[in-house]
Amino acid sequence: MVTVFEEINTFTPLGIRLWDPVFDRKIDDAISITATPVINPRKKIKATRTISGIYSFPHLPGMRDIEYEYDDHEITDSPVNRYEFVIEVTDERKRFIDVAFSVELPLPYSGVFLTNIPGSPTGNIPKGLHLYSSNTRKLPANMAAFRGELLQHDSRQPAAHALLRLQQESGESWYGIADKNGFYAIVFPYPELIKDLDSSPAGAMSGSLYDQSWELTLSVFYSPSTWQNLQGADTPNYLSILSQQAAGIWPQPASEGGSAISELPVTLQYQKATSIKTNGLSELLISSLS
């Protein structure tokens, strides 16, 4: 028989669930997440992954009183001290774009860390922190992907960290983020197959499956002036990347009489590699409007 002399409850002040919006499932392998206290940037703490796939941070600096709730701890009405940490997420297998963001602890709510996600209806609770596919991510054949390179129209420099959105006629949207070199991927399931109601038998597809195509709309959001830099991080604050302002898209360079537009119609063809380019170039030119 085991005799319990004392029981101490501990509370982990930060847990992060990573989410893959392409397959609608959590990401819990080959990921490195670190937390760096802003007041002590030389101290970098690495997260541990729990059995349930949550990345947790026990024993963070300044969090001892929050982690250990003793029965005789005096409860007062004084405000809780909050500490800022820079969180960096790196995919060791290069499937996803690396991100960084800041968080103040303790969180004002219980449970895992939540954040805003582009396209999420107000009030919906996200399943986790979304990570977006890198340009080199390998995918099964039943997934569609637009891959390419973004350049700034005037300087021809990479449009790093631009946010891209593809919208279907149904209104459903899919996102991608350019890496530091301007390369991006927007990955999503193929839209519903188009059927010919006059075909026989009823409801059967007309023609070859490989003849299927869909009309989509591309928007790009790019405003480096609104980025928030984080101490010691290689990328701007993730939330400032997700909240960038609309950019201009150049179907044709200004030198050839082109002008910027806010939305670009694009065609998706089944099982065909698709890259969106400015006419006459191997890249797509964009410009910040801010």
Protein backbone atom coordinates (compact mmCIF):
# COMPACT_ATOMS: atom_id res chain seq x y z
CA MET A 1 0.00 0.00 0.00
CA VAL A 2 1.37 3.43 -0.95
CA THR A 3 0.97 6.27 1.50
CA VAL A 4 0.68 9.75 0.00
CA PHE A 5 2.12 12.36 2.36
CA GLU A 6 1.72 15.38 0.12
CA GLU A 7 0.18 16.10 -3.26
CA ILE A 8 1.39 18.98 -5.43
CA ASN A 9 -0.58 20.08 -8.48
CA THR A 10 1.34 21.59 -11.36
CA PHE A 11 0.05 23.65 -14.25
CA THR A 12 1.81 24.15 -17.60
CA PRO A 13 1.38 27.81 -18.61
CA LEU A 14 1.84 27.25 -22.36
CA GLY A 15 0.82 24.44 -24.67
CA ILE A 16 0.70 24.68 -28.48
CA ARG A 17 -1.13 22.42 -30.90
CA LEU A 18 0.08 22.75 -34.51
CA TRP A 19 -2.44 22.20 -37.30
CA ASP A 20 -2.13 21.29 -40.98
CA PRO A 21 -5.04 22.97 -42.82
CA VAL A 22 -4.40 20.88 -45.95
CA PHE A 23 -5.27 17.55 -44.32
CA ASP A 24 -7.15 19.05 -41.34
CA ARG A 25 -5.01 17.26 -38.76
CA LYS A 26 -2.44 18.06 -36.10
CA ILE A 27 1.29 18.21 -36.80
CA ASP A 28 3.23 16.35 -34.14
CA ASP A 29 6.45 15.08 -35.69
CA ALA A 30 9.83 16.54 -36.72
CA ILE A 31 8.96 19.97 -35.27
CA SER A 32 11.17 22.13 -33.05
CA ILE A 33 9.51 24.86 -30.95
CA THR A 34 11.43 27.20 -28.67
CA ALA A 35 10.44 29.96 -26.26
CA THR A 36 12.80 32.86 -25.53
CA PRO A 37 12.06 35.25 -22.64
CA VAL A 38 12.21 38.85 -23.87
CA ILE A 39 13.83 39.88 -20.56
CA ASN A 40 16.58 37.26 -21.05
CA PRO A 41 17.07 36.62 -24.81
CA ARG A 42 20.09 34.37 -24.22
CA LYS A 43 17.88 31.75 -22.57
CA LYS A 44 16.07 29.61 -25.16
CA ILE A 45 13.75 26.87 -23.87
CA LYS A 46 12.73 23.96 -26.10
CA ALA A 47 9.21 22.54 -25.95
CA THR A 48 8.50 18.91 -25.12
CA ARG A 49 5.86 16.96 -27.04
CA THR A 50 3.18 15.23 -24.98
CA ILE A 51 1.56 11.89 -25.79
CA SER A 52 -1.45 13.77 -27.17
CA GLY A 53 0.74 15.75 -29.59
CA ILE A 54 0.72 19.06 -27.71
CA TYR A 55 4.01 20.97 -27.48
CA SER A 56 4.31 22.14 -23.88
CA PHE A 57 6.65 24.45 -21.97
CA PRO A 58 7.06 23.54 -18.30
CA HIS A 59 9.35 25.56 -16.00
CA LEU A 60 9.40 28.79 -17.99
CA PRO A 61 11.12 31.74 -16.27
CA GLY A 62 8.72 33.76 -14.11
CA MET A 63 6.03 31.08 -14.20
CA ARG A 64 6.80 29.21 -10.97
CA ASP A 65 3.94 30.73 -8.99
CA ILE A 66 1.56 29.82 -11.81
CA GLU A 67 2.87 26.27 -12.20
CA TYR A 68 2.75 25.34 -8.51
CA GLU A 69 -0.56 26.02 -6.83
CA TYR A 70 0.00 25.29 -3.14
CA ASP A 71 -3.04 24.87 -0.91
CA ASP A 72 -1.73 27.48 1.49
CA HIS A 73 -0.95 29.99 -1.29
CA GLU A 74 -2.52 33.32 -0.39
CA ILE A 75 -4.95 34.54 -3.05
CA THR A 76 -5.05 38.29 -3.49
CA ASP A 77 -6.71 40.70 -5.88
CA SER A 78 -3.39 42.07 -7.06
CA PRO A 79 -2.79 41.77 -10.85
CA VAL A 80 -0.78 38.81 -12.11
CA ASN A 81 2.66 39.63 -13.51
CA ARG A 82 2.78 38.85 -17.23
CA TYR A 83 5.95 37.86 -19.10
CA GLU A 84 6.56 38.08 -22.85
CA PHE A 85 8.16 35.21 -24.80
CA VAL A 86 9.17 34.88 -28.45
CA ILE A 87 8.03 31.52 -29.86
CA GLU A 88 9.82 30.07 -32.91
CA VAL A 89 8.46 27.08 -34.84
CA THR A 90 10.80 25.20 -37.20
CA ASP A 91 9.97 22.16 -39.31
CA GLU A 92 13.00 19.89 -39.41
CA ARG A 93 11.71 18.21 -42.59
CA LYS A 94 11.02 21.51 -44.42
CA ARG A 95 7.37 20.65 -45.14
CA PHE A 96 6.08 23.89 -43.63
CA ILE A 97 7.09 27.55 -43.54
CA ASP A 98 8.89 28.47 -40.30
CA VAL A 99 7.08 31.03 -38.14
CA ALA A 100 7.68 33.16 -35.05
CA PHE A 101 5.33 35.08 -32.79
CA SER A 102 5.19 36.57 -29.31
CA VAL A 103 2.95 35.58 -26.44
CA GLU A 104 2.36 37.00 -22.97
CA LEU A 105 2.05 34.50 -20.11
CA PRO A 106 0.02 33.52 -18.29
CA LEU A 107 -2.62 33.34 -21.00
CA PRO A 108 -5.96 35.01 -20.24
CA TYR A 109 -7.73 31.70 -20.91
CA SER A 110 -7.22 28.03 -20.08
CA GLY A 111 -6.15 25.35 -22.54
CA VAL A 112 -3.79 25.47 -25.52
CA PHE A 113 -2.61 28.65 -27.22
CA LEU A 114 -5.09 30.13 -29.71
CA THR A 115 -4.48 32.70 -32.41
CA ASN A 116 -6.22 34.35 -35.35
CA ILE A 117 -6.23 32.42 -38.60
CA PRO A 118 -7.02 34.04 -41.99
CA GLY A 119 -10.44 33.08 -43.26
CA SER A 120 -11.74 31.84 -39.90
CA PRO A 121 -15.26 33.10 -39.09
CA THR A 122 -15.38 35.31 -36.01
CA GLY A 123 -16.06 33.29 -32.91
CA ASN A 124 -14.82 29.96 -34.31
CA ILE A 125 -12.22 28.34 -32.08
CA PRO A 126 -9.24 27.19 -34.17
CA LYS A 127 -8.12 23.58 -33.76
CA GLY A 128 -4.50 24.71 -33.52
CA LEU A 129 -1.87 27.05 -34.86
CA HIS A 130 -1.93 26.71 -38.66
CA LEU A 131 1.32 26.05 -40.50
CA TYR A 132 1.40 26.56 -44.27
CA SER A 133 3.12 24.36 -46.84
CA SER A 134 6.58 25.11 -48.19
CA ASN A 135 7.30 25.16 -51.91
CA THR A 136 9.19 21.85 -51.63
CA ARG A 137 6.54 19.90 -49.71
CA LYS A 138 5.74 16.53 -51.30
CA LEU A 139 2.03 15.74 -51.56
CA PRO A 140 -0.19 12.86 -52.70
CA ALA A 141 -1.66 12.99 -56.21
CA ASN A 142 -5.18 13.79 -54.96
CA MET A 143 -4.13 17.26 -53.76
CA ALA A 144 -3.98 20.38 -55.93
CA ALA A 145 -1.09 22.83 -55.61
CA PHE A 146 -0.09 26.18 -57.05
CA ARG A 147 3.66 26.70 -56.68
CA GLY A 148 5.78 29.60 -57.81
CA GLU A 149 7.97 32.58 -57.01
CA LEU A 150 6.99 36.13 -56.08
CA LEU A 151 9.12 39.17 -56.91
CA GLN A 152 8.64 42.85 -56.10
CA HIS A 153 7.69 44.65 -59.30
CA ASP A 154 10.10 47.59 -59.07
CA SER A 155 13.19 46.05 -57.46
CA ARG A 156 12.80 42.46 -58.71
CA GLN A 157 13.77 41.34 -55.20
CA PRO A 158 11.98 38.37 -53.54
CA ALA A 159 8.61 39.30 -52.04
CA ALA A 160 9.42 37.47 -48.82
CA HIS A 161 6.61 36.61 -46.37
CA ALA A 162 3.80 37.61 -48.72
CA LEU A 163 0.44 35.99 -47.94
CA LEU A 164 -1.47 34.44 -50.86
CA ARG A 165 -5.12 33.43 -51.08
CA LEU A 166 -6.90 31.29 -53.66
CA GLN A 167 -10.67 31.52 -53.59
CA GLN A 168 -13.09 29.08 -55.16
CA GLU A 169 -16.45 30.03 -56.65
CA SER A 170 -18.07 28.52 -53.56
CA GLY A 171 -16.26 31.13 -51.42
CA GLU A 172 -13.91 28.61 -49.77
CA SER A 173 -10.37 29.97 -49.48
CA TRP A 174 -6.93 28.40 -49.25
CA TYR A 175 -3.73 30.19 -48.20
CA GLY A 176 0.01 30.06 -48.68
CA ILE A 177 2.98 32.09 -47.44
CA ALA A 178 6.12 32.94 -49.41
CA ASP A 179 9.41 31.99 -47.77
CA LYS A 180 12.34 34.38 -47.37
CA ASN A 181 13.30 33.81 -51.02
CA GLY A 182 9.79 34.48 -52.35
CA PHE A 183 8.91 30.83 -53.12
CA TYR A 184 5.41 29.71 -52.18
CA ALA A 185 2.91 26.86 -52.38
CA ILE A 186 -0.87 26.98 -52.01
CA VAL A 187 -2.10 23.45 -51.36
CA PHE A 188 -5.73 22.32 -51.19
CA PRO A 189 -8.09 19.46 -52.10
CA TYR A 190 -9.42 19.46 -55.63
CA PRO A 191 -12.80 21.23 -55.88
CA GLU A 192 -15.92 19.20 -56.58
CA LEU A 193 -15.76 17.54 -59.97
CA ILE A 194 -17.90 19.15 -62.66
CA LYS A 195 -20.60 16.81 -64.02
CA ASP A 196 -22.52 16.94 -67.28
CA LEU A 197 -26.19 16.49 -66.47
CA ASP A 198 -26.93 15.50 -70.08
CA SER A 199 -24.47 12.62 -70.05
CA SER A 200 -25.45 8.99 -69.76
CA PRO A 201 -25.75 7.40 -67.29
CA ALA A 202 -27.29 10.27 -65.29
CA GLY A 203 -24.75 12.18 -63.22
CA ALA A 204 -21.71 10.67 -64.91
CA MET A 205 -18.72 12.84 -65.77
CA SER A 206 -18.50 14.02 -69.35
CA GLY A 207 -15.14 13.40 -71.05
CA SER A 208 -11.90 12.45 -69.35
CA LEU A 209 -11.22 13.24 -65.72
CA TYR A 210 -8.03 14.94 -66.90
CA ASP A 211 -10.13 17.43 -68.87
CA GLN A 212 -11.62 18.83 -65.66
CA SER A 213 -10.78 22.46 -64.83
CA TRP A 214 -11.93 25.10 -62.35
CA GLU A 215 -11.83 28.89 -62.33
CA LEU A 216 -10.29 30.40 -59.17
CA THR A 217 -9.25 33.85 -58.00
CA LEU A 218 -5.81 34.74 -56.61
CA SER A 219 -5.24 37.59 -54.14
CA VAL A 220 -1.91 38.58 -52.58
CA PHE A 221 -1.33 40.49 -49.36
CA TYR A 222 2.04 42.19 -48.98
CA SER A 223 2.87 45.21 -46.80
CA PRO A 224 6.39 45.02 -45.29
CA SER A 225 5.79 48.36 -43.54
CA THR A 226 3.27 46.64 -41.25
CA TRP A 227 5.54 43.77 -40.21
CA GLN A 228 6.42 43.50 -36.53
CA ASN A 229 9.99 42.39 -35.90
CA LEU A 230 10.70 40.07 -33.00
CA GLN A 231 13.85 40.10 -30.91
CA GLY A 232 16.18 37.32 -32.06
CA ALA A 233 13.74 35.80 -34.60
CA ASP A 234 14.55 35.24 -38.28
CA THR A 235 11.03 36.05 -39.49
CA PRO A 236 8.55 38.84 -38.67
CA ASN A 237 5.74 38.27 -36.21
CA TYR A 238 3.47 35.58 -37.69
CA LEU A 239 0.32 37.52 -36.84
CA SER A 240 1.60 40.59 -38.70
CA ILE A 241 2.25 38.40 -41.76
CA LEU A 242 -1.30 37.05 -41.62
CA SER A 243 -2.78 40.55 -41.34
CA GLN A 244 -0.94 42.23 -44.26
CA GLN A 245 -2.72 44.64 -46.58
CA ALA A 246 -3.76 43.82 -50.14
CA ALA A 247 -1.04 44.01 -52.81
CA GLY A 248 -1.10 44.73 -56.53
CA ILE A 249 -0.64 41.83 -58.95
CA TRP A 250 1.02 42.48 -62.32
CA PRO A 251 -0.19 40.18 -65.13
CA GLN A 252 2.13 42.18 -67.38
CA PRO A 253 5.10 44.41 -66.38
CA ALA A 254 4.66 48.19 -66.43
CA SER A 255 7.45 48.37 -69.02
CA GLU A 256 5.12 46.58 -71.44
CA GLY A 257 2.08 48.69 -70.63
CA GLY A 258 0.78 46.55 -67.79
CA SER A 259 -0.92 47.74 -64.62
CA ALA A 260 -1.54 46.24 -61.18
CA ILE A 261 -4.82 44.52 -60.34
CA SER A 262 -6.18 43.36 -56.98
CA GLU A 263 -7.46 39.94 -58.07
CA LEU A 264 -6.14 37.61 -60.76
CA PRO A 265 -8.35 34.93 -62.37
CA VAL A 266 -6.50 31.60 -62.64
CA THR A 267 -7.43 28.21 -64.04
CA LEU A 268 -6.80 24.95 -62.18
CA GLN A 269 -6.57 21.83 -64.34
CA TYR A 270 -6.79 18.36 -62.86
CA GLN A 271 -3.40 16.74 -62.23
CA LYS A 272 -1.48 19.42 -64.13
CA ALA A 273 1.35 21.41 -62.56
CA THR A 274 0.24 25.01 -62.20
CA SER A 275 2.40 28.10 -61.77
CA ILE A 276 1.14 31.68 -61.89
CA LYS A 277 3.49 34.02 -63.75
CA THR A 278 3.69 37.55 -65.05
CA ASN A 279 3.60 37.48 -68.84
CA GLY A 280 7.07 36.87 -70.28
CA LEU A 281 8.65 35.98 -66.90
CA SER A 282 9.16 32.86 -64.82
CA GLU A 283 7.95 34.70 -61.67
CA LEU A 284 4.84 36.61 -60.60
CA LEU A 285 5.39 40.32 -59.94
CA ILE A 286 3.55 42.05 -57.09
CA SER A 287 3.75 45.48 -55.47
CA SER A 288 2.93 46.79 -52.03
CA LEU A 289 0.11 49.34 -52.05
CA SER A 290 0.95 50.80 -48.62
